[in-house]
Amino acid sequence: HRIVFVKNLSFKVTTEELFDLFGRFGAIRQIRLGDSQQTRGTAFVVYESAVDAKQALDKLQGFNFQERYLVCLMHQVDKTLLASGASSLEQRQQALDAAKEKYNI
């Protein structure tokens, strides 16, 4: 697992600020910052190495950043989708839509 999911970010945080903070722990492949109403205040940080991701998780969990305490979790891929062969974008979108309807999102 090399993806760290971050919650409780300031709505004003920039990708550059996240690169500065999370880049201290290793090479980052990508940062995806939530920009919709539902995803604001969250980000996915993708590391090149699982060891670097684990180190960032350990050091930044509960870290006070921009007057907010970060909540960091290792992102887990939904293996049920992989096992069921739902590899096409259309199938994944249908599964997402069904989950949204089920949970009234």
N, C-alpha and C. Protein backbone atom coordinates (compact mmCIF):
# COMPACT_ATOMS: atom_id res chain seq x y z
N HIS A 1 0.85 -1.17 0.00
CA HIS A 1 0.00 0.00 0.00
C HIS A 1 0.89 1.23 0.00
N ARG A 2 0.68 2.08 -0.97
CA ARG A 2 1.50 3.29 -1.05
C ARG A 2 0.66 4.55 -1.10
N ILE A 3 -0.62 4.43 -0.80
CA ILE A 3 -1.51 5.59 -0.87
C ILE A 3 -1.99 5.96 0.53
N VAL A 4 -1.75 7.22 0.90
CA VAL A 4 -2.20 7.73 2.19
C VAL A 4 -3.41 8.63 1.93
N PHE A 5 -4.51 8.34 2.62
CA PHE A 5 -5.71 9.16 2.54
C PHE A 5 -5.67 10.13 3.72
N VAL A 6 -5.83 11.42 3.44
CA VAL A 6 -5.72 12.45 4.47
C VAL A 6 -7.05 13.17 4.60
N LYS A 7 -7.52 13.32 5.85
CA LYS A 7 -8.77 14.03 6.12
C LYS A 7 -8.49 15.18 7.07
N ASN A 8 -9.48 16.04 7.23
CA ASN A 8 -9.45 17.19 8.13
C ASN A 8 -8.45 18.26 7.68
N LEU A 9 -8.26 18.38 6.37
CA LEU A 9 -7.42 19.44 5.83
C LEU A 9 -8.21 20.74 5.76
N SER A 10 -7.50 21.84 5.81
CA SER A 10 -8.12 23.14 5.59
C SER A 10 -8.65 23.19 4.16
N PHE A 11 -9.79 23.83 3.97
CA PHE A 11 -10.34 23.98 2.62
C PHE A 11 -9.44 24.86 1.76
N LYS A 12 -8.55 25.63 2.38
CA LYS A 12 -7.68 26.55 1.64
C LYS A 12 -6.31 25.96 1.32
N VAL A 13 -6.04 24.72 1.73
CA VAL A 13 -4.73 24.11 1.50
C VAL A 13 -4.50 23.93 0.00
N THR A 14 -3.23 24.06 -0.40
CA THR A 14 -2.87 23.88 -1.81
C THR A 14 -2.10 22.58 -1.99
N THR A 15 -2.05 22.13 -3.22
CA THR A 15 -1.28 20.92 -3.54
C THR A 15 0.19 21.14 -3.23
N GLU A 16 0.70 22.34 -3.51
CA GLU A 16 2.10 22.65 -3.24
C GLU A 16 2.42 22.52 -1.75
N GLU A 17 1.51 22.99 -0.89
CA GLU A 17 1.73 22.88 0.55
C GLU A 17 1.74 21.42 0.99
N LEU A 18 0.89 20.61 0.38
CA LEU A 18 0.88 19.18 0.71
C LEU A 18 2.15 18.49 0.21
N PHE A 19 2.64 18.87 -0.98
CA PHE A 19 3.90 18.32 -1.47
C PHE A 19 5.03 18.66 -0.50
N ASP A 20 5.05 19.89 0.01
CA ASP A 20 6.09 20.29 0.96
C ASP A 20 6.03 19.45 2.24
N LEU A 21 4.83 19.24 2.76
CA LEU A 21 4.67 18.50 4.01
C LEU A 21 4.94 17.00 3.82
N PHE A 22 4.26 16.38 2.86
CA PHE A 22 4.37 14.94 2.69
C PHE A 22 5.65 14.53 1.97
N GLY A 23 6.24 15.45 1.21
CA GLY A 23 7.48 15.15 0.48
C GLY A 23 8.67 14.93 1.39
N ARG A 24 8.57 15.31 2.64
CA ARG A 24 9.67 15.09 3.60
C ARG A 24 9.93 13.60 3.84
N PHE A 25 8.96 12.78 3.51
CA PHE A 25 9.05 11.36 3.85
C PHE A 25 9.39 10.46 2.67
N GLY A 26 9.54 11.05 1.48
CA GLY A 26 9.92 10.26 0.32
C GLY A 26 9.33 10.81 -0.96
N ALA A 27 9.68 10.15 -2.05
CA ALA A 27 9.24 10.58 -3.38
C ALA A 27 7.74 10.38 -3.53
N ILE A 28 7.07 11.43 -4.01
CA ILE A 28 5.63 11.39 -4.21
C ILE A 28 5.34 11.29 -5.69
N ARG A 29 4.49 10.36 -6.05
CA ARG A 29 4.08 10.20 -7.44
C ARG A 29 2.97 11.19 -7.79
N GLN A 30 2.01 11.35 -6.87
CA GLN A 30 0.85 12.19 -7.18
C GLN A 30 0.13 12.58 -5.89
N ILE A 31 -0.48 13.77 -5.91
CA ILE A 31 -1.38 14.18 -4.84
C ILE A 31 -2.68 14.60 -5.49
N ARG A 32 -3.77 14.01 -5.02
CA ARG A 32 -5.11 14.36 -5.51
C ARG A 32 -5.85 15.04 -4.38
N LEU A 33 -6.11 16.31 -4.55
CA LEU A 33 -6.78 17.12 -3.54
C LEU A 33 -8.26 17.19 -3.86
N GLY A 34 -9.10 16.90 -2.86
CA GLY A 34 -10.55 16.94 -3.07
C GLY A 34 -11.01 18.35 -3.40
N ASP A 35 -11.83 18.47 -4.45
CA ASP A 35 -12.27 19.80 -4.86
C ASP A 35 -13.78 19.93 -4.99
N SER A 36 -14.50 18.86 -4.77
CA SER A 36 -15.96 18.95 -4.84
C SER A 36 -16.51 19.20 -3.43
N GLN A 37 -17.78 19.49 -3.35
CA GLN A 37 -18.41 19.75 -2.05
C GLN A 37 -18.22 18.56 -1.09
N GLN A 38 -18.31 17.34 -1.62
CA GLN A 38 -18.21 16.14 -0.78
C GLN A 38 -16.76 15.80 -0.41
N THR A 39 -15.79 16.21 -1.23
CA THR A 39 -14.41 15.77 -1.01
C THR A 39 -13.48 16.86 -0.50
N ARG A 40 -13.99 18.08 -0.33
CA ARG A 40 -13.14 19.15 0.18
C ARG A 40 -12.59 18.77 1.55
N GLY A 41 -11.34 19.14 1.80
CA GLY A 41 -10.72 18.83 3.08
C GLY A 41 -10.08 17.46 3.12
N THR A 42 -10.03 16.79 1.96
CA THR A 42 -9.40 15.47 1.88
C THR A 42 -8.38 15.44 0.74
N ALA A 43 -7.48 14.47 0.80
CA ALA A 43 -6.50 14.30 -0.27
C ALA A 43 -6.00 12.86 -0.27
N PHE A 44 -5.57 12.42 -1.44
CA PHE A 44 -4.86 11.15 -1.58
C PHE A 44 -3.42 11.49 -1.93
N VAL A 45 -2.47 10.94 -1.18
CA VAL A 45 -1.05 11.15 -1.43
C VAL A 45 -0.48 9.80 -1.86
N VAL A 46 0.01 9.74 -3.11
CA VAL A 46 0.53 8.49 -3.67
C VAL A 46 2.05 8.55 -3.64
N TYR A 47 2.65 7.66 -2.88
CA TYR A 47 4.11 7.57 -2.78
C TYR A 47 4.66 6.55 -3.77
N GLU A 48 5.93 6.72 -4.11
CA GLU A 48 6.62 5.73 -4.94
C GLU A 48 6.87 4.45 -4.15
N SER A 49 7.05 4.59 -2.85
CA SER A 49 7.41 3.46 -2.00
C SER A 49 6.41 3.27 -0.87
N ALA A 50 6.08 2.03 -0.58
CA ALA A 50 5.16 1.72 0.53
C ALA A 50 5.80 2.07 1.87
N VAL A 51 7.12 1.93 1.97
CA VAL A 51 7.83 2.26 3.20
C VAL A 51 7.70 3.75 3.50
N ASP A 52 7.85 4.58 2.47
CA ASP A 52 7.71 6.03 2.64
C ASP A 52 6.29 6.39 3.06
N ALA A 53 5.31 5.74 2.45
CA ALA A 53 3.91 6.00 2.79
C ALA A 53 3.64 5.66 4.25
N LYS A 54 4.16 4.54 4.72
CA LYS A 54 3.97 4.11 6.11
C LYS A 54 4.64 5.09 7.07
N GLN A 55 5.83 5.57 6.70
CA GLN A 55 6.54 6.53 7.55
C GLN A 55 5.75 7.84 7.64
N ALA A 56 5.24 8.33 6.52
CA ALA A 56 4.43 9.55 6.53
C ALA A 56 3.19 9.37 7.38
N LEU A 57 2.54 8.23 7.24
CA LEU A 57 1.34 7.93 8.03
C LEU A 57 1.66 7.97 9.53
N ASP A 58 2.74 7.31 9.92
CA ASP A 58 3.12 7.26 11.33
C ASP A 58 3.46 8.64 11.89
N LYS A 59 4.15 9.45 11.11
CA LYS A 59 4.61 10.75 11.60
C LYS A 59 3.53 11.83 11.54
N LEU A 60 2.62 11.75 10.57
CA LEU A 60 1.67 12.83 10.36
C LEU A 60 0.28 12.57 10.92
N GLN A 61 0.02 11.38 11.41
CA GLN A 61 -1.27 11.10 12.05
C GLN A 61 -1.39 11.98 13.29
N GLY A 62 -2.40 12.86 13.32
CA GLY A 62 -2.59 13.76 14.44
C GLY A 62 -1.73 15.01 14.41
N PHE A 63 -0.94 15.18 13.34
CA PHE A 63 -0.05 16.34 13.20
C PHE A 63 -0.87 17.61 13.03
N ASN A 64 -0.48 18.67 13.73
CA ASN A 64 -1.17 19.95 13.63
C ASN A 64 -0.64 20.70 12.41
N PHE A 65 -1.47 20.82 11.39
CA PHE A 65 -1.10 21.46 10.12
C PHE A 65 -2.15 22.51 9.79
N GLN A 66 -1.72 23.76 9.70
CA GLN A 66 -2.62 24.88 9.43
C GLN A 66 -3.78 24.91 10.44
N GLU A 67 -3.40 24.74 11.71
CA GLU A 67 -4.34 24.80 12.84
C GLU A 67 -5.43 23.72 12.80
N ARG A 68 -5.12 22.60 12.14
CA ARG A 68 -6.05 21.46 12.10
C ARG A 68 -5.23 20.19 12.33
N TYR A 69 -5.82 19.23 13.03
CA TYR A 69 -5.14 17.97 13.29
C TYR A 69 -5.45 16.99 12.16
N LEU A 70 -4.40 16.53 11.48
CA LEU A 70 -4.58 15.64 10.33
C LEU A 70 -5.03 14.25 10.76
N VAL A 71 -5.89 13.66 9.96
CA VAL A 71 -6.29 12.27 10.11
C VAL A 71 -5.77 11.55 8.88
N CYS A 72 -4.84 10.61 9.08
CA CYS A 72 -4.20 9.91 7.97
C CYS A 72 -4.52 8.42 8.05
N LEU A 73 -4.86 7.85 6.91
CA LEU A 73 -5.18 6.42 6.82
C LEU A 73 -4.52 5.84 5.58
N MET A 74 -4.14 4.57 5.66
CA MET A 74 -3.67 3.89 4.45
C MET A 74 -4.88 3.58 3.61
N HIS A 75 -4.83 3.96 2.35
CA HIS A 75 -5.96 3.70 1.45
C HIS A 75 -5.94 2.24 1.04
N GLN A 76 -7.08 1.60 1.13
CA GLN A 76 -7.22 0.20 0.74
C GLN A 76 -8.05 0.12 -0.54
N VAL A 77 -7.55 -0.58 -1.52
CA VAL A 77 -8.30 -0.79 -2.75
C VAL A 77 -9.42 -1.78 -2.45
N ASP A 78 -10.62 -1.52 -2.97
CA ASP A 78 -11.76 -2.41 -2.75
C ASP A 78 -11.53 -3.70 -3.54
N LYS A 79 -11.04 -4.71 -2.87
CA LYS A 79 -10.68 -5.97 -3.53
C LYS A 79 -11.90 -6.74 -4.04
N THR A 80 -13.08 -6.44 -3.51
CA THR A 80 -14.28 -7.12 -4.00
C THR A 80 -14.55 -6.73 -5.45
N LEU A 81 -14.24 -5.49 -5.80
CA LEU A 81 -14.42 -5.08 -7.19
C LEU A 81 -13.42 -5.78 -8.09
N LEU A 82 -12.20 -5.94 -7.60
CA LEU A 82 -11.18 -6.62 -8.40
C LEU A 82 -11.52 -8.10 -8.57
N ALA A 83 -11.96 -8.72 -7.48
CA ALA A 83 -12.26 -10.15 -7.50
C ALA A 83 -13.46 -10.46 -8.39
N SER A 84 -14.41 -9.54 -8.44
CA SER A 84 -15.61 -9.80 -9.23
C SER A 84 -15.40 -9.48 -10.71
N GLY A 85 -14.21 -9.01 -11.05
CA GLY A 85 -13.92 -8.71 -12.45
C GLY A 85 -14.44 -7.36 -12.90
N ALA A 86 -14.81 -6.51 -11.97
CA ALA A 86 -15.32 -5.18 -12.32
C ALA A 86 -14.15 -4.27 -12.66
N SER A 87 -13.55 -4.53 -13.79
CA SER A 87 -12.35 -3.77 -14.14
C SER A 87 -12.64 -2.62 -15.09
N SER A 88 -13.78 -2.65 -15.73
CA SER A 88 -14.05 -1.56 -16.67
C SER A 88 -14.57 -0.35 -15.92
N LEU A 89 -14.31 0.80 -16.48
CA LEU A 89 -14.75 2.05 -15.86
C LEU A 89 -16.27 2.08 -15.70
N GLU A 90 -16.98 1.58 -16.69
CA GLU A 90 -18.44 1.58 -16.63
C GLU A 90 -18.95 0.74 -15.46
N GLN A 91 -18.36 -0.43 -15.26
CA GLN A 91 -18.78 -1.30 -14.15
C GLN A 91 -18.48 -0.65 -12.81
N ARG A 92 -17.33 -0.01 -12.70
CA ARG A 92 -16.98 0.65 -11.45
C ARG A 92 -17.91 1.83 -11.19
N GLN A 93 -18.27 2.56 -12.23
CA GLN A 93 -19.19 3.69 -12.07
C GLN A 93 -20.56 3.20 -11.61
N GLN A 94 -21.02 2.08 -12.16
CA GLN A 94 -22.30 1.52 -11.74
C GLN A 94 -22.26 1.10 -10.27
N ALA A 95 -21.15 0.50 -9.86
CA ALA A 95 -21.00 0.09 -8.46
C ALA A 95 -20.99 1.32 -7.54
N LEU A 96 -20.33 2.37 -7.98
CA LEU A 96 -20.29 3.61 -7.19
C LEU A 96 -21.67 4.23 -7.09
N ASP A 97 -22.39 4.29 -8.21
CA ASP A 97 -23.74 4.85 -8.21
C ASP A 97 -24.67 4.05 -7.29
N ALA A 98 -24.53 2.73 -7.30
CA ALA A 98 -25.36 1.88 -6.44
C ALA A 98 -25.06 2.16 -4.97
N ALA A 99 -23.78 2.31 -4.64
CA ALA A 99 -23.40 2.60 -3.25
C ALA A 99 -23.92 3.97 -2.82
N LYS A 100 -23.83 4.95 -3.71
CA LYS A 100 -24.33 6.30 -3.39
C LYS A 100 -25.83 6.26 -3.13
N GLU A 101 -26.56 5.50 -3.95
CA GLU A 101 -28.00 5.40 -3.77
C GLU A 101 -28.33 4.69 -2.46
N LYS A 102 -27.58 3.64 -2.16
CA LYS A 102 -27.83 2.87 -0.95
C LYS A 102 -27.65 3.72 0.30
N TYR A 103 -26.62 4.58 0.29
CA TYR A 103 -26.31 5.38 1.46
C TYR A 103 -26.79 6.83 1.36
N ASN A 104 -27.66 7.10 0.37
CA ASN A 104 -28.24 8.44 0.17
C ASN A 104 -27.19 9.54 0.09
N ILE A 105 -26.19 9.30 -0.72
CA ILE A 105 -25.12 10.30 -0.90
C ILE A 105 -25.37 11.07 -2.17
